[in-house]
Amino acid sequence: MNTAMPEGSIRVTLRFDPDFNDFLPAKRRGRPVCIMPGHATTIKDLVESCGVPHTEIGELRLKGSGCASFATRVSDGDCFE
């Protein structure tokens, strides 16, 4: 199986606190959500594309870099918690 990503696409992982399970589809609850948006975007847009209103989230953390803002542009391999 070829797991290579198309050129220019990015992969971002989101780890939601269990408190947000009501916003997530059943298949995305309790596990990391891997998203391949295909273009640079903000973490706010990705969070909301999962069904979680950004206004419900108090703090975002970019693994390895500390706190992040909703305006943070995602990069390939980013993991937000």
Protein backbone atom coordinates (compact mmCIF):
# COMPACT_ATOMS: atom_id res chain seq x y z
CA MET A 1 0.00 0.00 0.00
CA ASN A 2 1.40 3.39 -0.98
CA THR A 3 0.97 5.90 1.87
CA ALA A 4 2.80 8.78 0.19
CA MET A 5 0.94 12.07 0.24
CA PRO A 6 0.38 14.03 -2.94
CA GLU A 7 2.82 16.88 -3.38
CA GLY A 8 1.63 20.02 -1.60
CA SER A 9 -0.74 18.26 0.80
CA ILE A 10 -0.34 18.38 4.54
CA ARG A 11 -1.37 16.10 7.41
CA VAL A 12 -2.43 17.52 10.78
CA THR A 13 -3.48 15.62 13.90
CA LEU A 14 -6.00 17.00 16.39
CA ARG A 15 -6.46 15.50 19.84
CA PHE A 16 -9.70 16.67 21.42
CA ASP A 17 -10.43 16.49 25.13
CA PRO A 18 -13.24 14.00 25.88
CA ASP A 19 -15.43 16.99 26.88
CA PHE A 20 -15.82 17.72 23.14
CA ASN A 21 -17.16 14.28 22.19
CA ASP A 22 -20.71 15.60 21.84
CA PHE A 23 -19.54 17.82 18.97
CA LEU A 24 -17.65 15.07 17.14
CA PRO A 25 -19.08 12.35 14.91
CA ALA A 26 -19.05 8.94 16.64
CA LYS A 27 -16.17 7.66 14.49
CA ARG A 28 -13.91 10.52 15.66
CA ARG A 29 -14.61 10.30 19.40
CA GLY A 30 -11.90 9.21 21.80
CA ARG A 31 -9.08 9.08 19.25
CA PRO A 32 -6.77 11.45 17.42
CA VAL A 33 -8.32 13.03 14.33
CA CYS A 34 -6.03 13.05 11.31
CA ILE A 35 -6.93 15.67 8.69
CA MET A 36 -5.37 16.25 5.29
CA PRO A 37 -6.70 19.67 4.26
CA GLY A 38 -4.62 19.75 1.07
CA HIS A 39 -3.66 23.38 1.60
CA ALA A 40 -2.39 25.68 4.32
CA THR A 41 -5.15 26.82 6.64
CA THR A 42 -5.59 27.90 10.24
CA ILE A 43 -6.15 25.66 13.22
CA LYS A 44 -9.47 27.49 13.79
CA ASP A 45 -10.74 26.33 10.40
CA LEU A 46 -9.68 22.73 11.06
CA VAL A 47 -11.26 22.62 14.52
CA GLU A 48 -14.53 23.92 13.13
CA SER A 49 -14.41 21.51 10.17
CA CYS A 50 -14.55 18.72 12.77
CA GLY A 51 -17.75 20.18 14.23
CA VAL A 52 -16.27 21.78 17.33
CA PRO A 53 -17.06 25.51 17.66
CA HIS A 54 -13.81 27.36 18.31
CA THR A 55 -15.59 29.42 20.98
CA GLU A 56 -15.86 26.25 23.11
CA ILE A 57 -12.09 25.74 23.24
CA GLY A 58 -10.14 27.55 25.92
CA GLU A 59 -6.56 26.69 25.02
CA LEU A 60 -4.77 25.15 22.06
CA ARG A 61 -1.39 23.49 22.35
CA LEU A 62 0.89 22.69 19.45
CA LYS A 63 2.85 19.63 20.51
CA GLY A 64 6.45 20.60 21.03
CA SER A 65 5.84 24.35 20.82
CA GLY A 66 3.44 25.20 23.63
CA CYS A 67 0.36 27.40 23.26
CA ALA A 68 -1.04 28.30 19.85
CA SER A 69 -3.65 30.81 18.72
CA PHE A 70 -6.59 30.13 16.43
CA ALA A 71 -4.79 32.15 13.74
CA THR A 72 -1.89 29.68 13.71
CA ARG A 73 -1.30 28.36 10.19
CA VAL A 74 -0.91 24.59 10.21
CA SER A 75 2.09 22.79 8.79
CA ASP A 76 2.60 19.20 7.77
CA GLY A 77 3.02 16.97 10.81
CA ASP A 78 1.53 19.39 13.34
CA CYS A 79 -0.28 17.85 16.31
CA PHE A 80 -2.66 20.07 18.28
CA GLU A 81 -4.12 19.21 21.67
